[in-house]
Amino acid sequence: MRYSLLFLPILFLSSCVKHQQLVNFNQGPELSATPQAIANLPAIRIQPDDALAISVHTINMDAAAPFNLGISTAQGSTAGSAAVVQGNFLVDPGGYIEYPSLGRIKAGGLTTTELKDTLLARLSPYLKDPILYVRFTNFTFTVLGEVKNPGAYSFPEEKMTILEAIGRSGDLTTYGDRTNILVIREQDGARSFGRINLRDRKVFESPYFYLHQNDVIYVEPLKQKTASVADQTSKILPWVSVGVTVLNLIIIISNSNQ
């Protein structure tokens, strides 16, 4: 019994997470002290079911009105395309949008810049020096697993890194495995899976470092969490450990005095 008690502090310590497991960018060659070119910045391309906000502006806004999407009024009257979700253009399964006065426009497979250029070319016969804005309105990602605030997040930017995504979800918990983060991506009708190691300094070179719309990020738990989940008394283990240590010392001193 005395020797079994001696193992309890060791068992407790084995369930602790080590400091090096909580640190990012501590593996591989040292990070360069000089600026490095960003070589793998992805071109985010429009896909079916994407929602786009598109607006046309000119000096004469009355002339631009037929090319802007109508918004529902308080009386319920609407103008513009039927393929609209909350004032945005919805890309259909074939990759097209229904644009006011211009008809069907191919958007799938294009970047927002390429779609902007396409629309400007179509508008040039009707408007003088138009200004066009095109952006995603449903650019979302989902973070699951060992983060403080799991869930789905939307953002207006087209550039989002996995570090920013984890930051928005409250960072990893103590038991989050930084070495094997899964990124699930659906693009062009195919699903791909990538792994991210935040402790590796080469993480910035990963094709999954920059997110695409609708990416899912899953952070696995470390093995140390098993003891925490299985043993509901883990919260009092530090005090038990101290008590056992004191008891062992008393036993050892008592035996030495005999």
Protein backbone atom coordinates (compact mmCIF):
# COMPACT_ATOMS: atom_id res chain seq x y z
CA MET A 1 0.00 0.00 0.00
CA ARG A 2 2.84 2.35 0.92
CA TYR A 3 4.56 1.86 -2.46
CA SER A 4 1.33 2.25 -4.41
CA LEU A 5 0.84 5.60 -2.74
CA LEU A 6 4.26 6.65 -3.93
CA PHE A 7 3.15 6.24 -7.55
CA LEU A 8 0.16 8.59 -7.28
CA PRO A 9 2.18 11.82 -7.65
CA ILE A 10 3.98 10.29 -10.64
CA LEU A 11 0.62 9.37 -12.22
CA PHE A 12 -0.60 12.91 -11.73
CA LEU A 13 2.50 14.44 -13.27
CA SER A 14 2.22 12.14 -16.32
CA SER A 15 -1.16 13.74 -17.16
CA CYS A 16 0.30 17.26 -17.27
CA VAL A 17 0.87 19.07 -20.56
CA LYS A 18 4.52 20.04 -21.08
CA HIS A 19 5.50 23.62 -21.84
CA GLN A 20 6.96 22.74 -25.25
CA GLN A 21 3.59 21.33 -26.30
CA LEU A 22 2.01 24.76 -25.81
CA VAL A 23 4.50 26.76 -27.90
CA ASN A 24 4.08 27.55 -31.60
CA PHE A 25 6.92 27.79 -34.14
CA ASN A 26 9.53 25.96 -32.04
CA GLN A 27 10.50 23.25 -34.54
CA GLY A 28 12.62 23.39 -37.70
CA PRO A 29 15.02 26.05 -39.00
CA GLU A 30 14.96 29.44 -37.33
CA LEU A 31 12.64 32.05 -38.81
CA SER A 32 14.37 34.50 -41.11
CA ALA A 33 15.16 37.95 -39.73
CA THR A 34 14.64 39.50 -43.17
CA PRO A 35 11.25 39.92 -44.92
CA GLN A 36 10.20 36.93 -47.04
CA ALA A 37 8.01 37.07 -50.14
CA ILE A 38 4.58 35.44 -49.74
CA ALA A 39 4.65 32.80 -52.46
CA ASN A 40 1.54 30.75 -51.74
CA LEU A 41 -1.17 33.40 -51.39
CA PRO A 42 -4.21 31.66 -52.90
CA ALA A 43 -6.58 33.12 -55.45
CA ILE A 44 -10.02 32.65 -53.90
CA ARG A 45 -12.38 31.64 -56.69
CA ILE A 46 -16.14 31.94 -56.79
CA GLN A 47 -18.05 28.69 -56.40
CA PRO A 48 -21.70 27.60 -56.66
CA ASP A 49 -23.81 28.73 -53.67
CA ASP A 50 -21.52 31.67 -52.96
CA ALA A 51 -23.26 34.96 -52.16
CA LEU A 52 -21.82 38.12 -53.70
CA ALA A 53 -22.43 41.78 -53.04
CA ILE A 54 -22.07 43.76 -56.28
CA SER A 55 -22.70 47.46 -56.68
CA VAL A 56 -22.19 49.92 -59.57
CA HIS A 57 -21.45 53.60 -59.06
CA THR A 58 -21.18 56.51 -61.50
CA ILE A 59 -21.49 60.28 -61.39
CA ASN A 60 -25.03 59.82 -62.68
CA MET A 61 -26.48 57.27 -60.28
CA ASP A 62 -29.82 57.31 -62.10
CA ALA A 63 -28.03 55.81 -65.09
CA ALA A 64 -26.49 53.13 -62.87
CA ALA A 65 -29.77 52.24 -61.14
CA PRO A 66 -30.83 49.57 -63.70
CA PHE A 67 -27.57 47.71 -63.01
CA ASN A 68 -27.85 47.69 -59.25
CA LEU A 69 -29.75 45.05 -57.38
CA GLY A 70 -33.11 46.23 -56.05
CA ILE A 71 -33.76 45.89 -52.33
CA SER A 72 -37.09 45.01 -50.83
CA THR A 73 -39.02 48.05 -49.55
CA ALA A 74 -41.22 48.30 -46.49
CA GLN A 75 -44.26 47.87 -48.76
CA GLY A 76 -42.81 44.60 -50.09
CA SER A 77 -42.00 45.74 -53.64
CA THR A 78 -38.78 44.33 -55.10
CA ALA A 79 -36.62 44.81 -58.14
CA GLY A 80 -33.82 42.82 -59.69
CA SER A 81 -33.07 39.13 -59.98
CA ALA A 82 -34.97 36.34 -58.30
CA ALA A 83 -31.66 34.55 -57.59
CA VAL A 84 -31.01 36.79 -54.59
CA VAL A 85 -30.41 36.03 -50.91
CA GLN A 86 -30.84 39.00 -48.53
CA GLY A 87 -29.76 41.52 -51.16
CA ASN A 88 -26.85 39.44 -52.49
CA PHE A 89 -26.32 37.65 -55.79
CA LEU A 90 -26.45 33.88 -55.35
CA VAL A 91 -24.24 31.82 -57.64
CA ASP A 92 -26.31 28.96 -59.10
CA PRO A 93 -25.10 25.33 -59.40
CA GLY A 94 -23.81 26.07 -62.91
CA GLY A 95 -21.70 28.98 -61.68
CA TYR A 96 -23.90 31.80 -63.07
CA ILE A 97 -25.52 34.85 -61.56
CA GLU A 98 -28.59 36.65 -62.92
CA TYR A 99 -27.52 40.26 -63.29
CA PRO A 100 -30.04 43.10 -63.72
CA SER A 101 -30.25 44.32 -67.34
CA LEU A 102 -27.28 42.12 -68.37
CA GLY A 103 -28.76 38.66 -67.92
CA ARG A 104 -26.77 35.54 -67.01
CA ILE A 105 -23.12 36.17 -66.19
CA LYS A 106 -20.57 33.41 -65.64
CA ALA A 107 -19.04 33.92 -62.17
CA GLY A 108 -17.97 30.42 -61.11
CA GLY A 109 -14.25 29.82 -61.31
CA LEU A 110 -13.43 33.54 -61.38
CA THR A 111 -11.87 35.66 -58.66
CA THR A 112 -13.79 38.73 -57.54
CA THR A 113 -11.31 40.86 -59.51
CA GLU A 114 -11.89 38.83 -62.68
CA LEU A 115 -15.66 39.07 -62.25
CA LYS A 116 -15.31 42.81 -61.73
CA ASP A 117 -13.38 43.12 -65.03
CA THR A 118 -16.01 41.02 -66.82
CA LEU A 119 -18.83 43.21 -65.56
CA LEU A 120 -17.00 46.44 -66.38
CA ALA A 121 -16.58 45.25 -69.96
CA ARG A 122 -20.30 44.47 -70.18
CA LEU A 123 -21.26 47.83 -68.64
CA SER A 124 -18.95 50.01 -70.76
CA PRO A 125 -21.50 50.52 -73.60
CA TYR A 126 -24.04 51.89 -71.12
CA LEU A 127 -22.07 53.79 -68.47
CA LYS A 128 -19.17 56.22 -68.51
CA ASP A 129 -16.30 55.43 -66.12
CA PRO A 130 -18.30 53.20 -63.76
CA ILE A 131 -16.87 52.09 -60.43
CA LEU A 132 -17.69 48.52 -59.45
CA TYR A 133 -17.45 46.75 -56.10
CA VAL A 134 -17.53 42.96 -55.82
CA ARG A 135 -17.06 41.02 -52.59
CA PHE A 136 -18.09 37.80 -50.87
CA THR A 137 -20.75 38.04 -48.20
CA ASN A 138 -20.80 34.40 -47.08
CA PHE A 139 -17.07 33.78 -46.66
CA THR A 140 -17.19 31.51 -43.61
CA PHE A 141 -15.04 28.97 -41.79
CA THR A 142 -15.82 26.53 -38.99
CA VAL A 143 -13.53 25.65 -36.07
CA LEU A 144 -14.20 22.51 -34.03
CA GLY A 145 -12.46 20.56 -31.29
CA GLU A 146 -10.01 21.87 -28.71
CA VAL A 147 -10.57 25.63 -29.05
CA LYS A 148 -12.15 27.93 -26.50
CA ASN A 149 -15.03 29.09 -28.72
CA PRO A 150 -15.85 26.50 -31.40
CA GLY A 151 -18.34 27.47 -34.09
CA ALA A 152 -18.82 28.97 -37.55
CA TYR A 153 -17.41 32.42 -38.28
CA SER A 154 -18.03 34.83 -41.15
CA PHE A 155 -15.63 37.51 -42.31
CA PRO A 156 -15.62 40.09 -45.12
CA GLU A 157 -11.98 39.69 -46.15
CA GLU A 158 -10.79 37.27 -48.82
CA LYS A 159 -7.51 36.59 -47.01
CA MET A 160 -7.71 34.63 -43.79
CA THR A 161 -4.95 32.49 -42.28
CA ILE A 162 -5.39 29.54 -39.98
CA LEU A 163 -3.70 31.58 -37.24
CA GLU A 164 -6.34 34.31 -37.57
CA ALA A 165 -9.12 31.71 -37.62
CA ILE A 166 -7.85 30.09 -34.42
CA GLY A 167 -7.47 33.54 -32.87
CA ARG A 168 -11.09 34.38 -33.64
CA SER A 169 -12.18 31.15 -31.98
CA GLY A 170 -10.39 32.10 -28.75
CA ASP A 171 -7.14 30.16 -29.33
CA LEU A 172 -6.47 26.52 -28.55
CA THR A 173 -7.23 25.07 -25.14
CA THR A 174 -4.44 23.64 -23.02
CA TYR A 175 -5.24 20.20 -24.43
CA GLY A 176 -5.28 21.21 -28.11
CA ASP A 177 -2.79 19.30 -30.29
CA ARG A 178 -0.86 21.94 -32.23
CA THR A 179 1.00 19.38 -34.33
CA ASN A 180 -1.87 17.74 -36.19
CA ILE A 181 -4.65 20.23 -36.98
CA LEU A 182 -7.00 18.99 -39.70
CA VAL A 183 -8.31 21.31 -42.43
CA ILE A 184 -11.22 20.00 -44.54
CA ARG A 185 -11.72 21.82 -47.84
CA GLU A 186 -14.38 21.48 -50.54
CA GLN A 187 -13.61 23.04 -53.90
CA ASP A 188 -14.73 22.36 -57.48
CA GLY A 189 -16.84 19.43 -56.37
CA ALA A 190 -13.99 17.68 -54.55
CA ARG A 191 -13.09 17.32 -50.87
CA SER A 192 -9.48 17.47 -49.69
CA PHE A 193 -7.81 17.07 -46.31
CA GLY A 194 -4.70 18.84 -45.06
CA ARG A 195 -2.71 18.76 -41.85
CA ILE A 196 -1.18 21.77 -40.13
CA ASN A 197 1.60 21.66 -37.53
CA LEU A 198 1.69 25.00 -35.70
CA ARG A 199 4.95 24.08 -33.98
CA ASP A 200 6.72 23.73 -37.32
CA ARG A 201 8.23 27.00 -38.57
CA LYS A 202 7.48 25.87 -42.14
CA VAL A 203 3.75 26.13 -41.45
CA PHE A 204 3.66 29.37 -43.45
CA GLU A 205 4.50 27.39 -46.60
CA SER A 206 1.53 25.02 -46.28
CA PRO A 207 -1.21 25.26 -48.94
CA TYR A 208 -3.67 25.14 -46.02
CA PHE A 209 -2.15 28.08 -44.15
CA TYR A 210 -4.48 30.44 -46.04
CA LEU A 211 -8.11 29.42 -45.75
CA HIS A 212 -10.71 29.11 -48.48
CA GLN A 213 -14.41 29.76 -48.07
CA ASN A 214 -16.25 27.11 -46.05
CA ASP A 215 -13.08 25.43 -44.72
CA VAL A 216 -13.54 23.32 -41.58
CA ILE A 217 -10.75 23.26 -38.98
CA TYR A 218 -10.59 20.47 -36.42
CA VAL A 219 -8.18 20.58 -33.47
CA GLU A 220 -7.54 17.16 -31.97
CA PRO A 221 -7.06 16.71 -28.19
CA LEU A 222 -3.73 15.67 -26.71
CA LYS A 223 -3.48 12.26 -25.06
CA GLN A 224 -3.10 14.01 -21.70
CA LYS A 225 -6.79 14.93 -21.84
CA THR A 226 -7.80 11.28 -21.47
CA ALA A 227 -7.03 11.26 -17.76
CA SER A 228 -8.84 14.57 -17.31
CA VAL A 229 -12.00 13.28 -18.98
CA ALA A 230 -11.96 9.79 -17.48
CA ASP A 231 -11.23 10.85 -13.91
CA GLN A 232 -13.75 13.34 -12.54
CA THR A 233 -11.59 13.79 -9.45
CA SER A 234 -8.73 15.31 -11.45
CA LYS A 235 -9.51 18.75 -10.05
CA ILE A 236 -8.49 17.63 -6.56
CA LEU A 237 -5.51 15.53 -7.63
CA PRO A 238 -2.98 18.29 -6.79
CA TRP A 239 -4.24 18.32 -3.20
CA VAL A 240 -4.32 14.54 -3.04
CA SER A 241 -0.78 14.47 -4.36
CA VAL A 242 0.40 16.84 -1.65
CA GLY A 243 -1.41 14.80 1.03
CA VAL A 244 0.06 11.53 -0.21
CA THR A 245 3.56 13.01 -0.27
CA VAL A 246 3.21 14.22 3.34
CA LEU A 247 1.84 10.83 4.39
CA ASN A 248 4.75 9.05 2.73
CA LEU A 249 7.22 11.27 4.57
CA ILE A 250 5.51 10.53 7.90
CA ILE A 251 5.67 6.79 7.20
CA ILE A 252 9.34 6.97 6.21
CA ILE A 253 10.26 9.02 9.31
CA SER A 254 8.21 6.73 11.56
CA ASN A 255 9.95 3.63 10.21
CA SER A 256 13.39 5.21 10.58
CA ASN A 257 12.73 5.89 14.27
CA GLN A 258 11.83 2.27 15.02
